[in-house]
Amino acid sequence: MAKRFWVYIVASRKNGAIYAGHTDDLAVRIWQHKTGELPGFTDKYGCHILVWCEPLDTRDQAFRRERQIKDWRRSWKVQLIEARNPEWNDLYDTMNNWL
């Protein structure tokens, strides 16, 4: 099976602070956000709820998609989240079903 790369958005709560990132191990990265292992914005603002993610084939694609999303207006990011996850549920809780 080919390695997957992920672009993801974590949030502090519904309509709260949001952060976009990318990784090659989504489960580990979200756990790092949840436990505060990653100092910075997500730790400071409590962004530990996985509200959106997208798989990509290469690290370069993931990096470019992350940069694209980070450049978007907040309202566009909220639309992206709510198109698949209108209640902003924590997708981490079900990730083993779809990883």
PDB file of N, CA and C in Angstrom:
ATOM      1  N   MET A   1       0.846  -1.181   0.000  1.00  0.00           N
ATOM      2  CA  MET A   1       0.000   0.000   0.000  1.00  0.00           C
ATOM      3  C   MET A   1       0.894   1.249   0.000  1.00  0.00           C
ATOM      4  N   ALA A   2       0.577   2.201  -0.828  1.00  0.00           N
ATOM      5  CA  ALA A   2       1.358   3.431  -0.936  1.00  0.00           C
ATOM      6  C   ALA A   2       1.163   4.300   0.302  1.00  0.00           C
ATOM      7  N   LYS A   3       2.199   5.012   0.655  1.00  0.00           N
ATOM      8  CA  LYS A   3       2.121   5.922   1.792  1.00  0.00           C
ATOM      9  C   LYS A   3       1.179   7.066   1.463  1.00  0.00           C
ATOM     10  N   ARG A   4       0.390   7.465   2.428  1.00  0.00           N
ATOM     11  CA  ARG A   4      -0.523   8.596   2.259  1.00  0.00           C
ATOM     12  C   ARG A   4      -0.007   9.790   3.043  1.00  0.00           C
ATOM     13  N   PHE A   5      -0.337  10.937   2.536  1.00  0.00           N
ATOM     14  CA  PHE A   5      -0.043  12.187   3.214  1.00  0.00           C
ATOM     15  C   PHE A   5      -1.377  12.875   3.463  1.00  0.00           C
ATOM     16  N   TRP A   6      -1.437  13.655   4.486  1.00  0.00           N
ATOM     17  CA  TRP A   6      -2.710  14.244   4.912  1.00  0.00           C
ATOM     18  C   TRP A   6      -2.589  15.741   5.122  1.00  0.00           C
ATOM     19  N   VAL A   7      -3.621  16.443   4.718  1.00  0.00           N
ATOM     20  CA  VAL A   7      -3.831  17.834   5.116  1.00  0.00           C
ATOM     21  C   VAL A   7      -4.989  17.778   6.084  1.00  0.00           C
ATOM     22  N   TYR A   8      -4.900  18.522   7.166  1.00  0.00           N
ATOM     23  CA  TYR A   8      -5.922  18.428   8.195  1.00  0.00           C
ATOM     24  C   TYR A   8      -6.205  19.805   8.796  1.00  0.00           C
ATOM     25  N   ILE A   9      -7.372  19.901   9.434  1.00  0.00           N
ATOM     26  CA  ILE A   9      -7.717  21.092  10.206  1.00  0.00           C
ATOM     27  C   ILE A   9      -8.133  20.632  11.593  1.00  0.00           C
ATOM     28  N   VAL A  10      -7.530  21.243  12.606  1.00  0.00           N
ATOM     29  CA  VAL A  10      -7.933  21.034  13.995  1.00  0.00           C
ATOM     30  C   VAL A  10      -8.543  22.335  14.513  1.00  0.00           C
ATOM     31  N   ALA A  11      -9.460  22.194  15.458  1.00  0.00           N
ATOM     32  CA  ALA A  11     -10.161  23.355  16.005  1.00  0.00           C
ATOM     33  C   ALA A  11     -10.215  23.260  17.523  1.00  0.00           C
ATOM     34  N   SER A  12     -10.441  24.397  18.150  1.00  0.00           N
ATOM     35  CA  SER A  12     -10.591  24.427  19.608  1.00  0.00           C
ATOM     36  C   SER A  12     -12.014  24.046  20.014  1.00  0.00           C
ATOM     37  N   ARG A  13     -12.973  24.380  19.164  1.00  0.00           N
ATOM     38  CA  ARG A  13     -14.398  24.089  19.378  1.00  0.00           C
ATOM     39  C   ARG A  13     -15.122  24.506  18.107  1.00  0.00           C
ATOM     40  N   LYS A  14     -16.414  24.259  18.032  1.00  0.00           N
ATOM     41  CA  LYS A  14     -17.171  24.688  16.859  1.00  0.00           C
ATOM     42  C   LYS A  14     -17.063  26.203  16.730  1.00  0.00           C
ATOM     43  N   ASN A  15     -16.662  26.657  15.553  1.00  0.00           N
ATOM     44  CA  ASN A  15     -16.460  28.077  15.253  1.00  0.00           C
ATOM     45  C   ASN A  15     -15.390  28.746  16.110  1.00  0.00           C
ATOM     46  N   GLY A  16     -14.513  27.938  16.702  1.00  0.00           N
ATOM     47  CA  GLY A  16     -13.411  28.476  17.494  1.00  0.00           C
ATOM     48  C   GLY A  16     -12.171  28.665  16.644  1.00  0.00           C
ATOM     49  N   ALA A  17     -11.034  28.697  17.305  1.00  0.00           N
ATOM     50  CA  ALA A  17      -9.753  28.822  16.613  1.00  0.00           C
ATOM     51  C   ALA A  17      -9.530  27.580  15.754  1.00  0.00           C
ATOM     52  N   ILE A  18      -8.933  27.777  14.564  1.00  0.00           N
ATOM     53  CA  ILE A  18      -8.641  26.654  13.674  1.00  0.00           C
ATOM     54  C   ILE A  18      -7.203  26.740  13.176  1.00  0.00           C
ATOM     55  N   TYR A  19      -6.673  25.560  12.880  1.00  0.00           N
ATOM     56  CA  TYR A  19      -5.300  25.459  12.398  1.00  0.00           C
ATOM     57  C   TYR A  19      -5.235  24.394  11.315  1.00  0.00           C
ATOM     58  N   ALA A  20      -4.568  24.679  10.217  1.00  0.00           N
ATOM     59  CA  ALA A  20      -4.356  23.714   9.138  1.00  0.00           C
ATOM     60  C   ALA A  20      -2.903  23.258   9.150  1.00  0.00           C
ATOM     61  N   GLY A  21      -2.722  21.959   8.909  1.00  0.00           N
ATOM     62  CA  GLY A  21      -1.381  21.400   8.850  1.00  0.00           C
ATOM     63  C   GLY A  21      -1.336  20.231   7.893  1.00  0.00           C
ATOM     64  N   HIS A  22      -0.152  19.622   7.755  1.00  0.00           N
ATOM     65  CA  HIS A  22      -0.035  18.410   6.947  1.00  0.00           C
ATOM     66  C   HIS A  22       0.920  17.446   7.633  1.00  0.00           C
ATOM     67  N   THR A  23       0.754  16.162   7.320  1.00  0.00           N
ATOM     68  CA  THR A  23       1.535  15.122   7.976  1.00  0.00           C
ATOM     69  C   THR A  23       1.530  13.850   7.139  1.00  0.00           C
ATOM     70  N   ASP A  24       2.445  12.944   7.462  1.00  0.00           N
ATOM     71  CA  ASP A  24       2.407  11.624   6.835  1.00  0.00           C
ATOM     72  C   ASP A  24       1.876  10.568   7.804  1.00  0.00           C
ATOM     73  N   ASP A  25       1.558  10.969   9.024  1.00  0.00           N
ATOM     74  CA  ASP A  25       0.962  10.045  10.009  1.00  0.00           C
ATOM     75  C   ASP A  25      -0.105  10.799  10.785  1.00  0.00           C
ATOM     76  N   LEU A  26      -1.316  10.756  10.276  1.00  0.00           N
ATOM     77  CA  LEU A  26      -2.405  11.564  10.832  1.00  0.00           C
ATOM     78  C   LEU A  26      -2.707  11.207  12.287  1.00  0.00           C
ATOM     79  N   ALA A  27      -2.773   9.935  12.612  1.00  0.00           N
ATOM     80  CA  ALA A  27      -3.109   9.526  13.982  1.00  0.00           C
ATOM     81  C   ALA A  27      -2.089  10.060  14.988  1.00  0.00           C
ATOM     82  N   VAL A  28      -0.817   9.924  14.661  1.00  0.00           N
ATOM     83  CA  VAL A  28       0.240  10.410  15.568  1.00  0.00           C
ATOM     84  C   VAL A  28       0.191  11.926  15.682  1.00  0.00           C
ATOM     85  N   ARG A  29       0.041  12.621  14.548  1.00  0.00           N
ATOM     86  CA  ARG A  29       0.050  14.076  14.591  1.00  0.00           C
ATOM     87  C   ARG A  29      -1.114  14.630  15.420  1.00  0.00           C
ATOM     88  N   ILE A  30      -2.309  14.063  15.254  1.00  0.00           N
ATOM     89  CA  ILE A  30      -3.453  14.561  16.017  1.00  0.00           C
ATOM     90  C   ILE A  30      -3.256  14.249  17.494  1.00  0.00           C
ATOM     91  N   TRP A  31      -2.712  13.090  17.809  1.00  0.00           N
ATOM     92  CA  TRP A  31      -2.418  12.764  19.209  1.00  0.00           C
ATOM     93  C   TRP A  31      -1.429  13.797  19.789  1.00  0.00           C
ATOM     94  N   GLN A  32      -0.457  14.210  19.002  1.00  0.00           N
ATOM     95  CA  GLN A  32       0.489  15.227  19.465  1.00  0.00           C
ATOM     96  C   GLN A  32      -0.227  16.545  19.753  1.00  0.00           C
ATOM     97  N   HIS A  33      -1.187  16.908  18.913  1.00  0.00           N
ATOM     98  CA  HIS A  33      -1.970  18.120  19.180  1.00  0.00           C
ATOM     99  C   HIS A  33      -2.796  17.943  20.457  1.00  0.00           C
ATOM    100  N   LYS A  34      -3.421  16.796  20.617  1.00  0.00           N
ATOM    101  CA  LYS A  34      -4.282  16.546  21.767  1.00  0.00           C
ATOM    102  C   LYS A  34      -3.516  16.574  23.093  1.00  0.00           C
ATOM    103  N   THR A  35      -2.279  16.100  23.069  1.00  0.00           N
ATOM    104  CA  THR A  35      -1.498  16.018  24.302  1.00  0.00           C
ATOM    105  C   THR A  35      -0.614  17.239  24.546  1.00  0.00           C
ATOM    106  N   GLY A  36      -0.639  18.195  23.631  1.00  0.00           N
ATOM    107  CA  GLY A  36       0.163  19.400  23.800  1.00  0.00           C
ATOM    108  C   GLY A  36       1.638  19.199  23.505  1.00  0.00           C
ATOM    109  N   GLU A  37       1.995  18.105  22.833  1.00  0.00           N
ATOM    110  CA  GLU A  37       3.398  17.845  22.490  1.00  0.00           C
ATOM    111  C   GLU A  37       3.962  18.854  21.506  1.00  0.00           C
ATOM    112  N   LEU A  38       3.084  19.501  20.747  1.00  0.00           N
ATOM    113  CA  LEU A  38       3.525  20.449  19.732  1.00  0.00           C
ATOM    114  C   LEU A  38       3.281  21.872  20.238  1.00  0.00           C
ATOM    115  N   PRO A  39       4.313  22.511  20.755  1.00  0.00           N
ATOM    116  CA  PRO A  39       4.125  23.878  21.246  1.00  0.00           C
ATOM    117  C   PRO A  39       3.823  24.819  20.086  1.00  0.00           C
ATOM    118  N   GLY A  40       3.143  25.888  20.393  1.00  0.00           N
ATOM    119  CA  GLY A  40       2.819  26.865  19.359  1.00  0.00           C
ATOM    120  C   GLY A  40       1.341  27.173  19.349  1.00  0.00           C
ATOM    121  N   PHE A  41       0.840  27.533  18.185  1.00  0.00           N
ATOM    122  CA  PHE A  41      -0.537  27.996  18.030  1.00  0.00           C
ATOM    123  C   PHE A  41      -1.560  26.991  18.553  1.00  0.00           C
ATOM    124  N   THR A  42      -1.424  25.732  18.133  1.00  0.00           N
ATOM    125  CA  THR A  42      -2.452  24.749  18.508  1.00  0.00           C
ATOM    126  C   THR A  42      -2.482  24.510  20.006  1.00  0.00           C
ATOM    127  N   ASP A  43      -1.338  24.500  20.632  1.00  0.00           N
ATOM    128  CA  ASP A  43      -1.282  24.313  22.082  1.00  0.00           C
ATOM    129  C   ASP A  43      -1.818  25.556  22.791  1.00  0.00           C
ATOM    130  N   LYS A  44      -1.414  26.727  22.346  1.00  0.00           N
ATOM    131  CA  LYS A  44      -1.840  27.985  22.968  1.00  0.00           C
ATOM    132  C   LYS A  44      -3.357  28.183  22.898  1.00  0.00           C
ATOM    133  N   TYR A  45      -3.956  27.818  21.755  1.00  0.00           N
ATOM    134  CA  TYR A  45      -5.389  28.063  21.557  1.00  0.00           C
ATOM    135  C   TYR A  45      -6.248  26.808  21.703  1.00  0.00           C
ATOM    136  N   GLY A  46      -5.657  25.715  22.139  1.00  0.00           N
ATOM    137  CA  GLY A  46      -6.421  24.504  22.406  1.00  0.00           C
ATOM    138  C   GLY A  46      -7.011  23.837  21.173  1.00  0.00           C
ATOM    139  N   CYS A  47      -6.322  23.927  20.056  1.00  0.00           N
ATOM    140  CA  CYS A  47      -6.800  23.302  18.813  1.00  0.00           C
ATOM    141  C   CYS A  47      -6.413  21.827  18.827  1.00  0.00           C
ATOM    142  N   HIS A  48      -7.322  20.990  19.258  1.00  0.00           N
ATOM    143  CA  HIS A  48      -7.037  19.559  19.353  1.00  0.00           C
ATOM    144  C   HIS A  48      -8.176  18.689  18.820  1.00  0.00           C
ATOM    145  N   ILE A  49      -9.188  19.288  18.229  1.00  0.00           N
ATOM    146  CA  ILE A  49     -10.306  18.543  17.661  1.00  0.00           C
ATOM    147  C   ILE A  49     -10.094  18.435  16.151  1.00  0.00           C
ATOM    148  N   LEU A  50      -9.937  17.215  15.657  1.00  0.00           N
ATOM    149  CA  LEU A  50      -9.778  16.994  14.219  1.00  0.00           C
ATOM    150  C   LEU A  50     -11.138  17.166  13.555  1.00  0.00           C
ATOM    151  N   VAL A  51     -11.301  18.238  12.775  1.00  0.00           N
ATOM    152  CA  VAL A  51     -12.607  18.534  12.182  1.00  0.00           C
ATOM    153  C   VAL A  51     -12.643  18.307  10.670  1.00  0.00           C
ATOM    154  N   TRP A  52     -11.482  18.155  10.031  1.00  0.00           N
ATOM    155  CA  TRP A  52     -11.436  17.955   8.589  1.00  0.00           C
ATOM    156  C   TRP A  52     -10.083  17.377   8.213  1.00  0.00           C
ATOM    157  N   CYS A  53     -10.062  16.515   7.202  1.00  0.00           N
ATOM    158  CA  CYS A  53      -8.787  16.016   6.667  1.00  0.00           C
ATOM    159  C   CYS A  53      -8.992  15.547   5.242  1.00  0.00           C
ATOM    160  N   GLU A  54      -7.876  15.493   4.521  1.00  0.00           N
ATOM    161  CA  GLU A  54      -7.901  15.099   3.114  1.00  0.00           C
ATOM    162  C   GLU A  54      -6.621  14.325   2.804  1.00  0.00           C
ATOM    163  N   PRO A  55      -6.744  13.128   2.235  1.00  0.00           N
ATOM    164  CA  PRO A  55      -5.541  12.370   1.863  1.00  0.00           C
ATOM    165  C   PRO A  55      -4.994  12.833   0.515  1.00  0.00           C
ATOM    166  N   LEU A  56      -3.676  12.795   0.403  1.00  0.00           N
ATOM    167  CA  LEU A  56      -3.003  13.136  -0.854  1.00  0.00           C
ATOM    168  C   LEU A  56      -1.901  12.112  -1.108  1.00  0.00           C
ATOM    169  N   ASP A  57      -1.446  12.056  -2.330  1.00  0.00           N
ATOM    170  CA  ASP A  57      -0.480  11.026  -2.723  1.00  0.00           C
ATOM    171  C   ASP A  57       0.972  11.356  -2.394  1.00  0.00           C
ATOM    172  N   THR A  58       1.327  12.639  -2.383  1.00  0.00           N
ATOM    173  CA  THR A  58       2.724  13.002  -2.157  1.00  0.00           C
ATOM    174  C   THR A  58       2.843  14.084  -1.086  1.00  0.00           C
ATOM    175  N   ARG A  59       4.029  14.147  -0.500  1.00  0.00           N
ATOM    176  CA  ARG A  59       4.300  15.181   0.506  1.00  0.00           C
ATOM    177  C   ARG A  59       4.184  16.574  -0.123  1.00  0.00           C
ATOM    178  N   ASP A  60       4.658  16.709  -1.352  1.00  0.00           N
ATOM    179  CA  ASP A  60       4.593  18.000  -2.033  1.00  0.00           C
ATOM    180  C   ASP A  60       3.137  18.441  -2.243  1.00  0.00           C
ATOM    181  N   GLN A  61       2.280  17.517  -2.667  1.00  0.00           N
ATOM    182  CA  GLN A  61       0.860  17.852  -2.825  1.00  0.00           C
ATOM    183  C   GLN A  61       0.257  18.298  -1.491  1.00  0.00           C
ATOM    184  N   ALA A  62       0.587  17.587  -0.419  1.00  0.00           N
ATOM    185  CA  ALA A  62       0.055  17.927   0.906  1.00  0.00           C
ATOM    186  C   ALA A  62       0.539  19.308   1.339  1.00  0.00           C
ATOM    187  N   PHE A  63       1.830  19.578   1.123  1.00  0.00           N
ATOM    188  CA  PHE A  63       2.379  20.880   1.497  1.00  0.00           C
ATOM    189  C   PHE A  63       1.687  21.998   0.722  1.00  0.00           C
ATOM    190  N   ARG A  64       1.525  21.815  -0.599  1.00  0.00           N
ATOM    191  CA  ARG A  64       0.879  22.852  -1.414  1.00  0.00           C
ATOM    192  C   ARG A  64      -0.586  23.053  -1.023  1.00  0.00           C
ATOM    193  N   ARG A  65      -1.293  21.963  -0.727  1.00  0.00           N
ATOM    194  CA  ARG A  65      -2.699  22.082  -0.325  1.00  0.00           C
ATOM    195  C   ARG A  65      -2.810  22.790   1.030  1.00  0.00           C
ATOM    196  N   GLU A  66      -1.918  22.463   1.957  1.00  0.00           N
ATOM    197  CA  GLU A  66      -1.905  23.154   3.253  1.00  0.00           C
ATOM    198  C   GLU A  66      -1.698  24.656   3.055  1.00  0.00           C
ATOM    199  N   ARG A  67      -0.724  25.031   2.242  1.00  0.00           N
ATOM    200  CA  ARG A  67      -0.450  26.452   1.995  1.00  0.00           C
ATOM    201  C   ARG A  67      -1.665  27.129   1.365  1.00  0.00           C
ATOM    202  N   GLN A  68      -2.320  26.440   0.435  1.00  0.00           N
ATOM    203  CA  GLN A  68      -3.515  26.989  -0.200  1.00  0.00           C
ATOM    204  C   GLN A  68      -4.588  27.273   0.857  1.00  0.00           C
ATOM    205  N   ILE A  69      -4.848  26.298   1.713  1.00  0.00           N
ATOM    206  CA  ILE A  69      -5.882  26.465   2.741  1.00  0.00           C
ATOM    207  C   ILE A  69      -5.494  27.555   3.729  1.00  0.00           C
ATOM    208  N   LYS A  70      -4.233  27.617   4.115  1.00  0.00           N
ATOM    209  CA  LYS A  70      -3.798  28.652   5.057  1.00  0.00           C
ATOM    210  C   LYS A  70      -3.972  30.055   4.472  1.00  0.00           C
ATOM    211  N   ASP A  71      -3.898  30.162   3.160  1.00  0.00           N
ATOM    212  CA  ASP A  71      -4.071  31.470   2.516  1.00  0.00           C
ATOM    213  C   ASP A  71      -5.541  31.869   2.355  1.00  0.00           C
ATOM    214  N   TRP A  72      -6.452  30.932   2.559  1.00  0.00           N
ATOM    215  CA  TRP A  72      -7.875  31.218   2.399  1.00  0.00           C
ATOM    216  C   TRP A  72      -8.409  32.116   3.506  1.00  0.00           C
ATOM    217  N   ARG A  73      -9.529  32.754   3.196  1.00  0.00           N
ATOM    218  CA  ARG A  73     -10.290  33.468   4.228  1.00  0.00           C
ATOM    219  C   ARG A  73     -10.851  32.445   5.203  1.00  0.00           C
ATOM    220  N   ARG A  74     -11.073  32.873   6.425  1.00  0.00           N
ATOM    221  CA  ARG A  74     -11.630  31.982   7.450  1.00  0.00           C
ATOM    222  C   ARG A  74     -12.969  31.403   7.000  1.00  0.00           C
ATOM    223  N   SER A  75     -13.816  32.213   6.391  1.00  0.00           N
ATOM    224  CA  SER A  75     -15.144  31.738   5.983  1.00  0.00           C
ATOM    225  C   SER A  75     -15.039  30.567   5.000  1.00  0.00           C
ATOM    226  N   TRP A  76     -14.023  30.568   4.149  1.00  0.00           N
ATOM    227  CA  TRP A  76     -13.836  29.459   3.207  1.00  0.00           C
ATOM    228  C   TRP A  76     -13.426  28.191   3.952  1.00  0.00           C
ATOM    229  N   LYS A  77     -12.581  28.343   4.976  1.00  0.00           N
ATOM    230  CA  LYS A  77     -12.164  27.186   5.775  1.00  0.00           C
ATOM    231  C   LYS A  77     -13.357  26.601   6.522  1.00  0.00           C
ATOM    232  N   VAL A  78     -14.192  27.469   7.057  1.00  0.00           N
ATOM    233  CA  VAL A  78     -15.393  27.007   7.764  1.00  0.00           C
ATOM    234  C   VAL A  78     -16.306  26.252   6.794  1.00  0.00           C
ATOM    235  N   GLN A  79     -16.473  26.760   5.577  1.00  0.00           N
ATOM    236  CA  GLN A  79     -17.285  26.065   4.571  1.00  0.00           C
ATOM    237  C   GLN A  79     -16.708  24.693   4.242  1.00  0.00           C
ATOM    238  N   LEU A  80     -15.392  24.611   4.140  1.00  0.00           N
ATOM    239  CA  LEU A  80     -14.725  23.345   3.862  1.00  0.00           C
ATOM    240  C   LEU A  80     -15.026  22.339   4.971  1.00  0.00           C
ATOM    241  N   ILE A  81     -14.906  22.769   6.210  1.00  0.00           N
ATOM    242  CA  ILE A  81     -15.185  21.903   7.361  1.00  0.00           C
ATOM    243  C   ILE A  81     -16.650  21.467   7.351  1.00  0.00           C
ATOM    244  N   GLU A  82     -17.553  22.434   7.236  1.00  0.00           N
ATOM    245  CA  GLU A  82     -18.974  22.146   7.391  1.00  0.00           C
ATOM    246  C   GLU A  82     -19.581  21.379   6.223  1.00  0.00           C
ATOM    247  N   ALA A  83     -18.904  21.360   5.069  1.00  0.00           N
ATOM    248  CA  ALA A  83     -19.395  20.568   3.947  1.00  0.00           C
ATOM    249  C   ALA A  83     -19.383  19.071   4.285  1.00  0.00           C
ATOM    250  N   ARG A  84     -18.428  18.645   5.102  1.00  0.00           N
ATOM    251  CA  ARG A  84     -18.320  17.227   5.484  1.00  0.00           C
ATOM    252  C   ARG A  84     -18.613  16.974   6.953  1.00  0.00           C
ATOM    253  N   ASN A  85     -18.492  17.988   7.764  1.00  0.00           N
ATOM    254  CA  ASN A  85     -18.600  17.796   9.215  1.00  0.00           C
ATOM    255  C   ASN A  85     -19.339  18.994   9.831  1.00  0.00           C
ATOM    256  N   PRO A  86     -20.638  19.128   9.556  1.00  0.00           N
ATOM    257  CA  PRO A  86     -21.380  20.325   9.977  1.00  0.00           C
ATOM    258  C   PRO A  86     -21.430  20.539  11.487  1.00  0.00           C
ATOM    259  N   GLU A  87     -21.304  19.487  12.250  1.00  0.00           N
ATOM    260  CA  GLU A  87     -21.336  19.623  13.718  1.00  0.00           C
ATOM    261  C   GLU A  87     -19.944  19.783  14.330  1.00  0.00           C
ATOM    262  N   TRP A  88     -18.922  19.772  13.505  1.00  0.00           N
ATOM    263  CA  TRP A  88     -17.531  19.874  13.950  1.00  0.00           C
ATOM    264  C   TRP A  88     -17.196  18.760  14.941  1.00  0.00           C
ATOM    265  N   ASN A  89     -17.672  17.555  14.658  1.00  0.00           N
ATOM    266  CA  ASN A  89     -17.351  16.403  15.505  1.00  0.00           C
ATOM    267  C   ASN A  89     -15.870  16.088  15.418  1.00  0.00           C
ATOM    268  N   ASP A  90     -15.336  15.471  16.461  1.00  0.00           N
ATOM    269  CA  ASP A  90     -13.931  15.087  16.474  1.00  0.00           C
ATOM    270  C   ASP A  90     -13.766  13.810  15.653  1.00  0.00           C
ATOM    271  N   LEU A  91     -13.168  13.920  14.489  1.00  0.00           N
ATOM    272  CA  LEU A  91     -12.990  12.789  13.593  1.00  0.00           C
ATOM    273  C   LEU A  91     -11.951  11.801  14.117  1.00  0.00           C
ATOM    274  N   TYR A  92     -11.155  12.232  15.048  1.00  0.00           N
ATOM    275  CA  TYR A  92     -10.141  11.358  15.647  1.00  0.00           C
ATOM    276  C   TYR A  92     -10.797  10.135  16.278  1.00  0.00           C
ATOM    277  N   ASP A  93     -11.983  10.327  16.838  1.00  0.00           N
ATOM    278  CA  ASP A  93     -12.687   9.245  17.528  1.00  0.00           C
ATOM    279  C   ASP A  93     -13.079   8.109  16.591  1.00  0.00           C
ATOM    280  N   THR A  94     -13.216   8.388  15.306  1.00  0.00           N
ATOM    281  CA  THR A  94     -13.632   7.363  14.345  1.00  0.00           C
ATOM    282  C   THR A  94     -12.565   7.078  13.288  1.00  0.00           C
ATOM    283  N   MET A  95     -11.411   7.647  13.430  1.00  0.00           N
ATOM    284  CA  MET A  95     -10.405   7.557  12.377  1.00  0.00           C
ATOM    285  C   MET A  95      -9.985   6.120  12.074  1.00  0.00           C
ATOM    286  N   ASN A  96     -10.001   5.225  13.040  1.00  0.00           N
ATOM    287  CA  ASN A  96      -9.627   3.842  12.756  1.00  0.00           C
ATOM    288  C   ASN A  96     -10.574   3.171  11.784  1.00  0.00           C
ATOM    289  N   ASN A  97     -11.781   3.706  11.629  1.00  0.00           N
ATOM    290  CA  ASN A  97     -12.756   3.156  10.685  1.00  0.00           C
ATOM    291  C   ASN A  97     -12.441   3.529   9.242  1.00  0.00           C
ATOM    292  N   TRP A  98     -11.682   4.585   9.006  1.00  0.00           N
ATOM    293  CA  TRP A  98     -11.458   5.046   7.645  1.00  0.00           C
ATOM    294  C   TRP A  98      -9.996   5.292   7.271  1.00  0.00           C
ATOM    295  N   LEU A  99      -9.074   5.121   8.182  1.00  0.00           N
ATOM    296  CA  LEU A  99      -7.648   5.291   7.827  1.00  0.00           C
ATOM    297  C   LEU A  99      -7.162   4.158   6.960  1.00  0.00           C
TER     298      LEU A  99
END
